[in-house]
Structures are given as structure tokens and as C-alpha cells.
Amino acid sequence: MDLPDNAIEIIGLVKTYPATKTTPQMHALKGVDLAIPRGSIFGLLGPNGAGKSTMINIMAGLCKKTSGTVRIWGRDIDTRARDARAAIGVVPQEIAADPFFTPRESLEVQAGMYGVPPSERRTDELLAALGLADKGDAYVRQLSGGMKRRLMVAKAMTHNPPVLILDEPTAGVDVELRRQLWSYVLELNRRGVTIVLTTHYLEEAEELCDHIAIINRGEVAVCEPTATLLRRLDTRNVVVTPEEPVTEAPALEGFETKLRPGGAFSVTYRTGQSSVEQVLAALRASGLHIRDIATEDPDLEDVFLSLTYAAPQAEPA
């Protein structure tokens, strides 16, 4: 069987919550179209209430869509629901593990639920890969929060799915545990597993993801390769360190300035309208004595805010 070009295809996906006595009708997803390439690390970003979790819950079979088409690994979730769910592993935001099971028992039960024969189970391999080998026979309730989150990743991989969905996987996890988790996730991706990631750590998405979609108010605001997305803004910053630290950013005609820590300041200009040379000319005209300058390109946070900041968030995911 040929492998699909897209690990996940979403066409015209709508989710509407009907009105109740206390709440009006809410549109969580408004005709979302999305294609997630096979083998990618795909970032699914958006403010709280944008619809990300609703989309993931529909793919996982935990929430019923109102209309639209969803295919996972080429399998329609309506006509081949069981096959579609077998093709994904989902790590939810909430930690869900039986406190009276050991990690080993949790993985064995999860594998059994997916019909994985005992001879094909990878319990010890997964425990070792997620740094839980020495905790395999401890009760889950004895694990730290970071260990429980890593156990959730192991549970999602017990049936060896080709698609792994990580919903805020590093929330509340310290730096070292985050590094270990991403090391394993990157290794999975090198083996061919498609990774779908939601995160509020934008620098994390910028570093890890090769494609990013930004969801806002139930609609896809943008979906592009990460490098293309970062080129969307035509603004650049010149960071100026004066000889004497300043306590207030100087006013420069035609440019926006902002104070930086340590007495430095930034000058923002639009590449289509100005140049670094014009910024330098304005600085010389101001009479400031400059010790150092550096230029900055926009980062993912700048793009994210430009696409989502203006729209109020009223509908929950």
C-alpha cells in the first residue's frame, strides 16, 4: 500500500456547540482546511479558545464533528473510524494515568486495548526511551509531574502509530525533562513518525517545527513552512547600545523606538520603506554617541501576535 502524501487531511471541518439556557450557540471550528505533510513536525498554534483542542479531540474520536471530512493516514474517521484511531497516538494536556498502576502495567494495559500481541509489545523499550526504566514497577502516584507526562507519551506510542499528536506536552516540565522529551520526539520523527505539536512556547515551535498553522477564532489564519512564515513580517529591528545608557528611548522621526534592558534601545523600521542606512542617519542626526549596534529579524512571536492580537477570543475550544 502506498503511503499517503499527507498524514492528516482536514476539509471543511465545522464544530458548533448548540445554544443552552445560559450560553449562546458557539462555533469552535468554522470550516477548517488543513493538510499535514507525512514525516513533518507540524506546529498547531493559536491563542486559548482558538479551537486547537477541539480539532484534536475530533481526530481522537473524543468529540463529534458537526460537518466536514477528516482523514488520518488516508483513513476517513467516519467510514474507517477504528483504523483512523489506530493510526494516531494522542498525548493530551491533562495527565490521565491510573495512580494504582505501575508504569509497566499502564503500558501493558494500553497495548492490550489496541490489540497488540504480547510478543510485539515494546514496554521495556518505551520505558527506557522516556527515562522511566528505573520507575517501571513504582506506582504512578509516586511519579513526579514530569515523569507522569513522559509516561503519557509512552502510552501514546504503545501501538506504534505513524502519527503522534502532542497537546501542550511540556507544560509544567522543567528544562532538563523538556530536553529529554524533545530528544525522543526528534528520534521518532527521524524514524518516520509525523509529529503534530501544540504549544504556548513559541520559541519551541520555531526551533522544532518545519510547518506551522496558526488557528484563530476557529479558522486557519495561516499555514506555511516555518521559514516562509517568519518572512511574513516586513519589519526589522536595529538594537542600539549608546556610549552612555539611556533611561528613555529617544524619539527618531519616522521610526518606532523602544527602551531595552541595560540602557539600550531598539529602532523598528519597515524594509519596504526604509533601510538600516536611514536608521543610522537618523541616529547620527540625534547626536547620540553609539557604542554598538545589531540587527534583529522578527521571530515567531512577532508573527503570531500580528495574526491573532487584534481578534477577541470569545469561544472556547
C-alpha atoms as a PDB file:
ATOM      1  CA  MET A   1       0.000   0.000   0.000  1.00  0.00           C
ATOM      2  CA  ASP A   2       1.320   3.424  -0.969  1.00  0.00           C
ATOM      3  CA  LEU A   3       1.945   5.828   1.877  1.00  0.00           C
ATOM      4  CA  PRO A   4      -0.230   8.960   1.849  1.00  0.00           C
ATOM      5  CA  ASP A   5       1.370  12.306   0.974  1.00  0.00           C
ATOM      6  CA  ASN A   6      -0.393  13.861   3.950  1.00  0.00           C
ATOM      7  CA  ALA A   7      -0.505  12.250   7.380  1.00  0.00           C
ATOM      8  CA  ILE A   8      -3.679  14.211   8.184  1.00  0.00           C
ATOM      9  CA  GLU A   9      -6.161  15.882   5.835  1.00  0.00           C
ATOM     10  CA  ILE A  10      -8.944  18.117   7.154  1.00  0.00           C
ATOM     11  CA  ILE A  11     -11.520  19.564   4.761  1.00  0.00           C
ATOM     12  CA  GLY A  12     -14.297  21.973   5.727  1.00  0.00           C
ATOM     13  CA  LEU A  13     -14.255  20.915   9.386  1.00  0.00           C
ATOM     14  CA  VAL A  14     -17.039  22.527  11.417  1.00  0.00           C
ATOM     15  CA  LYS A  15     -17.850  22.118  15.094  1.00  0.00           C
ATOM     16  CA  THR A  16     -20.801  24.002  16.542  1.00  0.00           C
ATOM     17  CA  TYR A  17     -21.963  23.794  20.150  1.00  0.00           C
ATOM     18  CA  PRO A  18     -25.728  24.392  20.354  1.00  0.00           C
ATOM     19  CA  ALA A  19     -27.210  27.132  22.499  1.00  0.00           C
ATOM     20  CA  THR A  20     -28.291  26.339  26.043  1.00  0.00           C
ATOM     21  CA  LYS A  21     -30.362  28.254  28.553  1.00  0.00           C
ATOM     22  CA  THR A  22     -27.248  30.060  29.790  1.00  0.00           C
ATOM     23  CA  THR A  23     -24.947  30.192  26.724  1.00  0.00           C
ATOM     24  CA  PRO A  24     -25.435  31.177  23.068  1.00  0.00           C
ATOM     25  CA  GLN A  25     -24.540  28.919  20.172  1.00  0.00           C
ATOM     26  CA  MET A  26     -20.763  28.728  19.785  1.00  0.00           C
ATOM     27  CA  HIS A  27     -18.714  27.962  16.667  1.00  0.00           C
ATOM     28  CA  ALA A  28     -15.494  26.278  17.786  1.00  0.00           C
ATOM     29  CA  LEU A  29     -14.368  25.430  14.226  1.00  0.00           C
ATOM     30  CA  LYS A  30     -15.561  27.301  11.150  1.00  0.00           C
ATOM     31  CA  GLY A  31     -14.767  25.293   8.039  1.00  0.00           C
ATOM     32  CA  VAL A  32     -11.125  24.432   8.729  1.00  0.00           C
ATOM     33  CA  ASP A  33      -8.992  23.154   5.832  1.00  0.00           C
ATOM     34  CA  LEU A  34      -5.611  21.724   6.795  1.00  0.00           C
ATOM     35  CA  ALA A  35      -3.083  19.322   5.271  1.00  0.00           C
ATOM     36  CA  ILE A  36      -0.285  17.991   7.480  1.00  0.00           C
ATOM     37  CA  PRO A  37       2.557  16.508   5.384  1.00  0.00           C
ATOM     38  CA  ARG A  38       3.735  12.981   6.159  1.00  0.00           C
ATOM     39  CA  GLY A  39       7.018  12.978   8.070  1.00  0.00           C
ATOM     40  CA  SER A  40       6.787  16.580   9.242  1.00  0.00           C
ATOM     41  CA  ILE A  41       6.937  18.144  12.677  1.00  0.00           C
ATOM     42  CA  PHE A  42       3.847  20.307  12.404  1.00  0.00           C
ATOM     43  CA  GLY A  43       3.075  23.108  14.840  1.00  0.00           C
ATOM     44  CA  LEU A  44      -0.592  23.840  15.553  1.00  0.00           C
ATOM     45  CA  LEU A  45      -0.607  27.198  17.322  1.00  0.00           C
ATOM     46  CA  GLY A  46      -3.217  29.650  18.481  1.00  0.00           C
ATOM     47  CA  PRO A  47      -4.473  31.584  21.496  1.00  0.00           C
ATOM     48  CA  ASN A  48      -6.576  29.948  24.191  1.00  0.00           C
ATOM     49  CA  GLY A  49     -10.041  29.249  22.822  1.00  0.00           C
ATOM     50  CA  ALA A  50      -8.901  29.180  19.188  1.00  0.00           C
ATOM     51  CA  GLY A  51     -10.166  25.630  18.516  1.00  0.00           C
ATOM     52  CA  LYS A  52      -6.958  23.577  18.690  1.00  0.00           C
ATOM     53  CA  SER A  53      -8.119  21.149  21.376  1.00  0.00           C
ATOM     54  CA  THR A  54     -11.492  20.717  19.684  1.00  0.00           C
ATOM     55  CA  MET A  55      -9.717  19.691  16.479  1.00  0.00           C
ATOM     56  CA  ILE A  56      -7.504  17.207  18.327  1.00  0.00           C
ATOM     57  CA  ASN A  57     -10.470  15.728  20.195  1.00  0.00           C
ATOM     58  CA  ILE A  58     -12.307  15.198  16.894  1.00  0.00           C
ATOM     59  CA  MET A  59      -9.293  13.378  15.437  1.00  0.00           C
ATOM     60  CA  ALA A  60      -9.022  11.248  18.584  1.00  0.00           C
ATOM     61  CA  GLY A  61     -12.704  10.311  18.475  1.00  0.00           C
ATOM     62  CA  LEU A  62     -13.493  12.126  21.722  1.00  0.00           C
ATOM     63  CA  CYS A  63     -15.644  14.824  20.133  1.00  0.00           C
ATOM     64  CA  LYS A  64     -18.166  14.524  17.299  1.00  0.00           C
ATOM     65  CA  LYS A  65     -17.762  16.988  14.443  1.00  0.00           C
ATOM     66  CA  THR A  66     -20.723  18.914  13.063  1.00  0.00           C
ATOM     67  CA  SER A  67     -19.617  18.556   9.434  1.00  0.00           C
ATOM     68  CA  GLY A  68     -16.559  18.187   7.245  1.00  0.00           C
ATOM     69  CA  THR A  69     -14.035  15.481   6.415  1.00  0.00           C
ATOM     70  CA  VAL A  70     -11.069  14.232   8.436  1.00  0.00           C
ATOM     71  CA  ARG A  71      -8.642  11.608   7.151  1.00  0.00           C
ATOM     72  CA  ILE A  72      -5.791  10.219   9.247  1.00  0.00           C
ATOM     73  CA  TRP A  73      -3.144   8.289   7.333  1.00  0.00           C
ATOM     74  CA  GLY A  74      -5.648   8.120   4.463  1.00  0.00           C
ATOM     75  CA  ARG A  75      -8.417   6.698   6.658  1.00  0.00           C
ATOM     76  CA  ASP A  76     -11.682   8.612   6.961  1.00  0.00           C
ATOM     77  CA  ILE A  77     -12.751   8.966  10.599  1.00  0.00           C
ATOM     78  CA  ASP A  78     -16.393   8.355   9.593  1.00  0.00           C
ATOM     79  CA  THR A  79     -16.071   5.297   7.376  1.00  0.00           C
ATOM     80  CA  ARG A  80     -12.919   3.782   8.935  1.00  0.00           C
ATOM     81  CA  ALA A  81     -13.088   5.079  12.486  1.00  0.00           C
ATOM     82  CA  ARG A  82     -11.189   2.203  14.108  1.00  0.00           C
ATOM     83  CA  ASP A  83      -8.375   2.256  11.549  1.00  0.00           C
ATOM     84  CA  ALA A  84      -8.095   6.044  11.795  1.00  0.00           C
ATOM     85  CA  ARG A  85      -7.750   5.962  15.588  1.00  0.00           C
ATOM     86  CA  ALA A  86      -5.163   3.187  15.353  1.00  0.00           C
ATOM     87  CA  ALA A  87      -3.044   5.483  13.177  1.00  0.00           C
ATOM     88  CA  ILE A  88      -2.608   8.164  15.858  1.00  0.00           C
ATOM     89  CA  GLY A  89      -1.311   8.417  19.372  1.00  0.00           C
ATOM     90  CA  VAL A  90      -2.531  11.399  21.367  1.00  0.00           C
ATOM     91  CA  VAL A  91      -0.810  12.933  24.386  1.00  0.00           C
ATOM     92  CA  PRO A  92      -3.486  15.171  25.976  1.00  0.00           C
ATOM     93  CA  GLN A  93      -2.883  18.282  28.064  1.00  0.00           C
ATOM     94  CA  GLU A  94      -4.317  16.647  31.165  1.00  0.00           C
ATOM     95  CA  ILE A  95      -2.377  13.861  32.849  1.00  0.00           C
ATOM     96  CA  ALA A  96      -4.573  10.757  32.785  1.00  0.00           C
ATOM     97  CA  ALA A  97      -2.969   7.722  34.402  1.00  0.00           C
ATOM     98  CA  ASP A  98      -4.313   5.263  36.969  1.00  0.00           C
ATOM     99  CA  PRO A  99      -2.447   6.086  40.224  1.00  0.00           C
ATOM    100  CA  PHE A 100      -2.714   2.468  41.398  1.00  0.00           C
ATOM    101  CA  PHE A 101      -0.989   1.025  38.323  1.00  0.00           C
ATOM    102  CA  THR A 102       2.736   0.936  37.748  1.00  0.00           C
ATOM    103  CA  PRO A 103       4.083   2.481  34.532  1.00  0.00           C
ATOM    104  CA  ARG A 104       4.767  -1.025  33.234  1.00  0.00           C
ATOM    105  CA  GLU A 105       1.191  -2.102  33.927  1.00  0.00           C
ATOM    106  CA  SER A 106      -0.156   1.098  32.348  1.00  0.00           C
ATOM    107  CA  LEU A 107       1.718   0.423  29.125  1.00  0.00           C
ATOM    108  CA  GLU A 108       0.702  -3.235  29.044  1.00  0.00           C
ATOM    109  CA  VAL A 109      -2.981  -2.354  29.515  1.00  0.00           C
ATOM    110  CA  GLN A 110      -2.777   0.344  26.823  1.00  0.00           C
ATOM    111  CA  ALA A 111      -1.137  -2.057  24.366  1.00  0.00           C
ATOM    112  CA  GLY A 112      -3.812  -4.649  25.117  1.00  0.00           C
ATOM    113  CA  MET A 113      -6.565  -2.133  24.401  1.00  0.00           C
ATOM    114  CA  TYR A 114      -5.102  -1.637  20.918  1.00  0.00           C
ATOM    115  CA  GLY A 115      -4.835  -5.388  20.359  1.00  0.00           C
ATOM    116  CA  VAL A 116      -1.029  -5.504  20.327  1.00  0.00           C
ATOM    117  CA  PRO A 117       0.039  -9.141  20.871  1.00  0.00           C
ATOM    118  CA  PRO A 118       2.285  -9.711  23.932  1.00  0.00           C
ATOM    119  CA  SER A 119       5.175 -10.767  21.674  1.00  0.00           C
ATOM    120  CA  GLU A 120       5.050  -7.419  19.848  1.00  0.00           C
ATOM    121  CA  ARG A 121       4.769  -5.092  22.840  1.00  0.00           C
ATOM    122  CA  ARG A 122       7.597  -2.615  23.452  1.00  0.00           C
ATOM    123  CA  THR A 123       7.035  -1.834  27.120  1.00  0.00           C
ATOM    124  CA  ASP A 124      10.670  -2.020  28.249  1.00  0.00           C
ATOM    125  CA  GLU A 125      11.872  -0.134  25.152  1.00  0.00           C
ATOM    126  CA  LEU A 126       9.403   2.708  25.761  1.00  0.00           C
ATOM    127  CA  LEU A 127      10.190   2.946  29.472  1.00  0.00           C
ATOM    128  CA  ALA A 128      13.905   3.181  28.691  1.00  0.00           C
ATOM    129  CA  ALA A 129      13.405   5.690  25.868  1.00  0.00           C
ATOM    130  CA  LEU A 130      11.398   8.034  28.127  1.00  0.00           C
ATOM    131  CA  GLY A 131      13.796   7.730  31.074  1.00  0.00           C
ATOM    132  CA  LEU A 132      11.402   5.643  33.176  1.00  0.00           C
ATOM    133  CA  ALA A 133      13.237   2.306  33.222  1.00  0.00           C
ATOM    134  CA  ASP A 134      14.021   2.578  36.942  1.00  0.00           C
ATOM    135  CA  LYS A 135      10.409   3.565  37.724  1.00  0.00           C
ATOM    136  CA  GLY A 136       8.730   0.781  35.774  1.00  0.00           C
ATOM    137  CA  ASP A 137       7.474  -1.013  38.867  1.00  0.00           C
ATOM    138  CA  ALA A 138       6.723   2.014  41.057  1.00  0.00           C
ATOM    139  CA  TYR A 139       3.158   3.211  41.413  1.00  0.00           C
ATOM    140  CA  VAL A 140       2.178   6.037  39.090  1.00  0.00           C
ATOM    141  CA  ARG A 141       1.112   8.106  42.091  1.00  0.00           C
ATOM    142  CA  GLN A 142       4.754   8.121  43.218  1.00  0.00           C
ATOM    143  CA  LEU A 143       5.993   9.738  39.983  1.00  0.00           C
ATOM    144  CA  SER A 144       6.730  13.433  39.611  1.00  0.00           C
ATOM    145  CA  GLY A 145       4.626  15.535  37.263  1.00  0.00           C
ATOM    146  CA  GLY A 146       7.316  15.455  34.588  1.00  0.00           C
ATOM    147  CA  MET A 147       7.596  11.667  34.798  1.00  0.00           C
ATOM    148  CA  LYS A 148       3.819  11.294  34.500  1.00  0.00           C
ATOM    149  CA  ARG A 149       3.871  13.444  31.377  1.00  0.00           C
ATOM    150  CA  ARG A 150       6.589  11.271  29.854  1.00  0.00           C
ATOM    151  CA  LEU A 151       4.520   8.205  30.735  1.00  0.00           C
ATOM    152  CA  MET A 152       1.673   9.759  28.730  1.00  0.00           C
ATOM    153  CA  VAL A 153       3.974   9.931  25.695  1.00  0.00           C
ATOM    154  CA  ALA A 154       4.939   6.286  26.174  1.00  0.00           C
ATOM    155  CA  LYS A 155       1.261   5.278  26.400  1.00  0.00           C
ATOM    156  CA  ALA A 156       0.519   7.102  23.157  1.00  0.00           C
ATOM    157  CA  MET A 157       3.240   5.092  21.378  1.00  0.00           C
ATOM    158  CA  THR A 158       2.364   1.583  22.625  1.00  0.00           C
ATOM    159  CA  HIS A 159       0.644   0.657  19.333  1.00  0.00           C
ATOM    160  CA  ASN A 160       3.414   2.208  17.199  1.00  0.00           C
ATOM    161  CA  PRO A 161       1.213   4.762  15.385  1.00  0.00           C
ATOM    162  CA  PRO A 162       2.577   6.668  12.362  1.00  0.00           C
ATOM    163  CA  VAL A 163       1.174   9.961  13.732  1.00  0.00           C
ATOM    164  CA  LEU A 164       1.802  11.361  17.228  1.00  0.00           C
ATOM    165  CA  ILE A 165      -0.204  14.347  18.492  1.00  0.00           C
ATOM    166  CA  LEU A 166       1.301  16.251  21.422  1.00  0.00           C
ATOM    167  CA  ASP A 167      -1.083  18.716  23.083  1.00  0.00           C
ATOM    168  CA  GLU A 168       0.993  21.065  25.276  1.00  0.00           C
ATOM    169  CA  PRO A 169       3.402  18.236  26.223  1.00  0.00           C
ATOM    170  CA  THR A 170       5.956  20.362  28.078  1.00  0.00           C
ATOM    171  CA  ALA A 171       3.571  22.452  30.193  1.00  0.00           C
ATOM    172  CA  GLY A 172       4.962  22.452  33.736  1.00  0.00           C
ATOM    173  CA  VAL A 173       8.009  20.352  32.773  1.00  0.00           C
ATOM    174  CA  ASP A 174      11.455  21.568  33.828  1.00  0.00           C
ATOM    175  CA  VAL A 175      14.201  22.343  31.329  1.00  0.00           C
ATOM    176  CA  GLU A 176      16.059  19.038  31.634  1.00  0.00           C
ATOM    177  CA  LEU A 177      12.946  16.895  31.278  1.00  0.00           C
ATOM    178  CA  ARG A 178      11.850  19.017  28.317  1.00  0.00           C
ATOM    179  CA  ARG A 179      15.201  18.395  26.643  1.00  0.00           C
ATOM    180  CA  GLN A 180      14.883  14.622  27.168  1.00  0.00           C
ATOM    181  CA  LEU A 181      11.337  14.621  25.822  1.00  0.00           C
ATOM    182  CA  TRP A 182      12.254  16.522  22.665  1.00  0.00           C
ATOM    183  CA  SER A 183      15.260  14.291  22.108  1.00  0.00           C
ATOM    184  CA  TYR A 184      12.934  11.275  21.991  1.00  0.00           C
ATOM    185  CA  VAL A 185      10.345  13.063  19.844  1.00  0.00           C
ATOM    186  CA  LEU A 186      13.022  14.083  17.311  1.00  0.00           C
ATOM    187  CA  GLU A 187      14.246  10.499  17.189  1.00  0.00           C
ATOM    188  CA  LEU A 188      10.684   9.311  16.488  1.00  0.00           C
ATOM    189  CA  ASN A 189      10.452  11.835  13.666  1.00  0.00           C
ATOM    190  CA  ARG A 190      13.736  10.609  12.194  1.00  0.00           C
ATOM    191  CA  ARG A 191      12.161   7.136  12.119  1.00  0.00           C
ATOM    192  CA  GLY A 192       9.276   8.497  10.058  1.00  0.00           C
ATOM    193  CA  VAL A 193       6.665   9.373  12.681  1.00  0.00           C
ATOM    194  CA  THR A 194       4.708  12.530  11.866  1.00  0.00           C
ATOM    195  CA  ILE A 195       4.551  14.836  14.888  1.00  0.00           C
ATOM    196  CA  VAL A 196       1.729  17.331  15.485  1.00  0.00           C
ATOM    197  CA  LEU A 197       2.539  19.749  18.289  1.00  0.00           C
ATOM    198  CA  THR A 198       0.537  22.377  20.121  1.00  0.00           C
ATOM    199  CA  THR A 199       2.494  24.602  22.474  1.00  0.00           C
ATOM    200  CA  HIS A 200       2.459  28.054  24.036  1.00  0.00           C
ATOM    201  CA  TYR A 201       6.274  28.092  23.983  1.00  0.00           C
ATOM    202  CA  LEU A 202       6.673  29.850  20.632  1.00  0.00           C
ATOM    203  CA  GLU A 203      10.455  29.565  20.632  1.00  0.00           C
ATOM    204  CA  GLU A 204       9.973  25.793  20.976  1.00  0.00           C
ATOM    205  CA  ALA A 205       7.730  25.686  17.897  1.00  0.00           C
ATOM    206  CA  GLU A 206      10.125  27.904  15.941  1.00  0.00           C
ATOM    207  CA  GLU A 207      13.051  25.603  16.698  1.00  0.00           C
ATOM    208  CA  LEU A 208      11.319  22.242  16.203  1.00  0.00           C
ATOM    209  CA  CYS A 209       8.585  22.633  13.582  1.00  0.00           C
ATOM    210  CA  ASP A 210       9.128  22.606   9.823  1.00  0.00           C
ATOM    211  CA  HIS A 211       5.493  23.624   9.159  1.00  0.00           C
ATOM    212  CA  ILE A 212       3.200  25.787  11.301  1.00  0.00           C
ATOM    213  CA  ALA A 213      -0.510  26.571  11.197  1.00  0.00           C
ATOM    214  CA  ILE A 214      -1.929  29.378  13.326  1.00  0.00           C
ATOM    215  CA  ILE A 215      -5.577  28.924  14.328  1.00  0.00           C
ATOM    216  CA  ASN A 216      -7.572  31.948  15.423  1.00  0.00           C
ATOM    217  CA  ARG A 217     -11.248  32.027  16.400  1.00  0.00           C
ATOM    218  CA  GLY A 218     -11.925  28.635  14.808  1.00  0.00           C
ATOM    219  CA  GLU A 219     -10.278  29.453  11.471  1.00  0.00           C
ATOM    220  CA  VAL A 220      -6.851  28.878   9.955  1.00  0.00           C
ATOM    221  CA  ALA A 221      -5.147  32.272   9.865  1.00  0.00           C
ATOM    222  CA  VAL A 222      -2.083  30.895   8.096  1.00  0.00           C
ATOM    223  CA  CYS A 223      -0.459  27.528   7.276  1.00  0.00           C
ATOM    224  CA  GLU A 224       3.050  27.639   5.828  1.00  0.00           C
ATOM    225  CA  PRO A 225       6.572  26.243   6.171  1.00  0.00           C
ATOM    226  CA  THR A 226       8.153  27.851   9.226  1.00  0.00           C
ATOM    227  CA  ALA A 227      10.794  29.709   7.211  1.00  0.00           C
ATOM    228  CA  THR A 228       8.125  31.209   4.928  1.00  0.00           C
ATOM    229  CA  LEU A 229       6.002  32.209   7.911  1.00  0.00           C
ATOM    230  CA  LEU A 230       8.887  34.066   9.522  1.00  0.00           C
ATOM    231  CA  ARG A 231       9.346  36.113   6.354  1.00  0.00           C
ATOM    232  CA  ARG A 232       5.772  37.422   6.571  1.00  0.00           C
ATOM    233  CA  LEU A 233       6.670  40.481   8.606  1.00  0.00           C
ATOM    234  CA  ASP A 234       8.476  43.245   6.740  1.00  0.00           C
ATOM    235  CA  THR A 235       9.754  44.852   9.937  1.00  0.00           C
ATOM    236  CA  ARG A 236      13.292  44.684  11.302  1.00  0.00           C
ATOM    237  CA  ASN A 237      14.864  45.990  14.492  1.00  0.00           C
ATOM    238  CA  VAL A 238      18.147  47.786  14.960  1.00  0.00           C
ATOM    239  CA  VAL A 239      19.307  47.406  18.568  1.00  0.00           C
ATOM    240  CA  VAL A 240      21.429  50.364  19.648  1.00  0.00           C
ATOM    241  CA  THR A 241      23.795  50.384  22.626  1.00  0.00           C
ATOM    242  CA  PRO A 242      24.791  54.023  23.301  1.00  0.00           C
ATOM    243  CA  GLU A 243      28.033  55.035  24.957  1.00  0.00           C
ATOM    244  CA  GLU A 244      26.021  56.224  27.946  1.00  0.00           C
ATOM    245  CA  PRO A 245      22.951  54.133  28.959  1.00  0.00           C
ATOM    246  CA  VAL A 246      19.645  55.901  28.382  1.00  0.00           C
ATOM    247  CA  THR A 247      16.582  55.824  30.631  1.00  0.00           C
ATOM    248  CA  GLU A 248      14.186  56.719  27.825  1.00  0.00           C
ATOM    249  CA  ALA A 249      14.227  55.686  24.171  1.00  0.00           C
ATOM    250  CA  PRO A 250      14.992  58.726  22.009  1.00  0.00           C
ATOM    251  CA  ALA A 251      12.387  59.954  19.532  1.00  0.00           C
ATOM    252  CA  LEU A 252      13.512  59.451  15.923  1.00  0.00           C
ATOM    253  CA  GLU A 253      11.279  60.900  13.230  1.00  0.00           C
ATOM    254  CA  GLY A 254       9.720  58.188  11.064  1.00  0.00           C
ATOM    255  CA  PHE A 255      10.763  55.291  13.321  1.00  0.00           C
ATOM    256  CA  GLU A 256       9.375  53.497  16.373  1.00  0.00           C
ATOM    257  CA  THR A 257      11.811  53.237  19.284  1.00  0.00           C
ATOM    258  CA  LYS A 258      11.605  51.142  22.430  1.00  0.00           C
ATOM    259  CA  LEU A 259      13.794  51.004  25.553  1.00  0.00           C
ATOM    260  CA  ARG A 260      15.743  47.769  26.114  1.00  0.00           C
ATOM    261  CA  PRO A 261      17.350  46.427  29.340  1.00  0.00           C
ATOM    262  CA  GLY A 262      20.722  47.884  30.278  1.00  0.00           C
ATOM    263  CA  GLY A 263      20.119  51.313  28.792  1.00  0.00           C
ATOM    264  CA  ALA A 264      19.957  50.165  25.160  1.00  0.00           C
ATOM    265  CA  PHE A 265      17.025  50.754  22.806  1.00  0.00           C
ATOM    266  CA  SER A 266      15.617  49.336  19.576  1.00  0.00           C
ATOM    267  CA  VAL A 267      14.620  51.133  16.385  1.00  0.00           C
ATOM    268  CA  THR A 268      11.964  49.411  14.246  1.00  0.00           C
ATOM    269  CA  TYR A 269      11.742  50.055  10.515  1.00  0.00           C
ATOM    270  CA  ARG A 270       9.855  48.568   7.552  1.00  0.00           C
ATOM    271  CA  THR A 271      12.119  47.017   4.936  1.00  0.00           C
ATOM    272  CA  GLY A 272       9.891  48.190   2.085  1.00  0.00           C
ATOM    273  CA  GLN A 273      10.022  51.802   3.223  1.00  0.00           C
ATOM    274  CA  SER A 274      13.359  52.346   4.961  1.00  0.00           C
ATOM    275  CA  SER A 275      16.826  50.870   5.322  1.00  0.00           C
ATOM    276  CA  VAL A 276      19.469  50.407   8.001  1.00  0.00           C
ATOM    277  CA  GLU A 277      21.378  53.332   6.453  1.00  0.00           C
ATOM    278  CA  GLN A 278      18.389  55.622   7.015  1.00  0.00           C
ATOM    279  CA  VAL A 279      18.178  54.453  10.632  1.00  0.00           C
ATOM    280  CA  LEU A 280      21.888  55.217  11.099  1.00  0.00           C
ATOM    281  CA  ALA A 281      21.415  58.648   9.541  1.00  0.00           C
ATOM    282  CA  ALA A 282      18.584  59.399  11.985  1.00  0.00           C
ATOM    283  CA  LEU A 283      20.760  58.246  14.886  1.00  0.00           C
ATOM    284  CA  ARG A 284      23.671  60.472  13.783  1.00  0.00           C
ATOM    285  CA  ALA A 285      21.305  63.418  13.428  1.00  0.00           C
ATOM    286  CA  SER A 286      20.082  62.858  17.005  1.00  0.00           C
ATOM    287  CA  GLY A 287      23.599  63.485  18.335  1.00  0.00           C
ATOM    288  CA  LEU A 288      23.808  60.162  20.199  1.00  0.00           C
ATOM    289  CA  HIS A 289      27.219  58.533  20.648  1.00  0.00           C
ATOM    290  CA  ILE A 290      26.852  54.856  19.737  1.00  0.00           C
ATOM    291  CA  ARG A 291      28.987  52.058  21.181  1.00  0.00           C
ATOM    292  CA  ASP A 292      27.402  49.133  19.307  1.00  0.00           C
ATOM    293  CA  ILE A 293      24.508  48.233  17.001  1.00  0.00           C
ATOM    294  CA  ALA A 294      22.962  44.917  15.960  1.00  0.00           C
ATOM    295  CA  THR A 295      20.051  43.927  13.711  1.00  0.00           C
ATOM    296  CA  GLU A 296      17.204  41.537  14.605  1.00  0.00           C
ATOM    297  CA  ASP A 297      14.847  39.613  12.346  1.00  0.00           C
ATOM    298  CA  PRO A 298      11.260  39.031  13.519  1.00  0.00           C
ATOM    299  CA  ASP A 299      10.613  35.821  15.435  1.00  0.00           C
ATOM    300  CA  LEU A 300       7.553  33.579  15.603  1.00  0.00           C
ATOM    301  CA  GLU A 301       6.104  35.581  18.484  1.00  0.00           C
ATOM    302  CA  ASP A 302       6.020  38.697  16.299  1.00  0.00           C
ATOM    303  CA  VAL A 303       4.204  36.813  13.521  1.00  0.00           C
ATOM    304  CA  PHE A 304       1.817  35.170  15.992  1.00  0.00           C
ATOM    305  CA  LEU A 305       0.821  38.487  17.545  1.00  0.00           C
ATOM    306  CA  SER A 306       0.391  40.159  14.162  1.00  0.00           C
ATOM    307  CA  LEU A 307      -2.084  37.450  13.105  1.00  0.00           C
ATOM    308  CA  THR A 308      -4.024  36.972  16.335  1.00  0.00           C
ATOM    309  CA  TYR A 309      -3.716  40.016  18.596  1.00  0.00           C
ATOM    310  CA  ALA A 310      -6.484  42.116  17.073  1.00  0.00           C
ATOM    311  CA  ALA A 311      -9.217  39.472  17.308  1.00  0.00           C
ATOM    312  CA  PRO A 312     -11.034  38.984  20.630  1.00  0.00           C
ATOM    313  CA  GLN A 313     -11.212  35.430  21.925  1.00  0.00           C
ATOM    314  CA  ALA A 314     -14.754  34.607  22.950  1.00  0.00           C
ATOM    315  CA  GLU A 315     -15.368  30.998  22.006  1.00  0.00           C
ATOM    316  CA  PRO A 316     -13.806  28.108  23.939  1.00  0.00           C
ATOM    317  CA  ALA A 317     -12.001  25.197  22.393  1.00  0.00           C
END
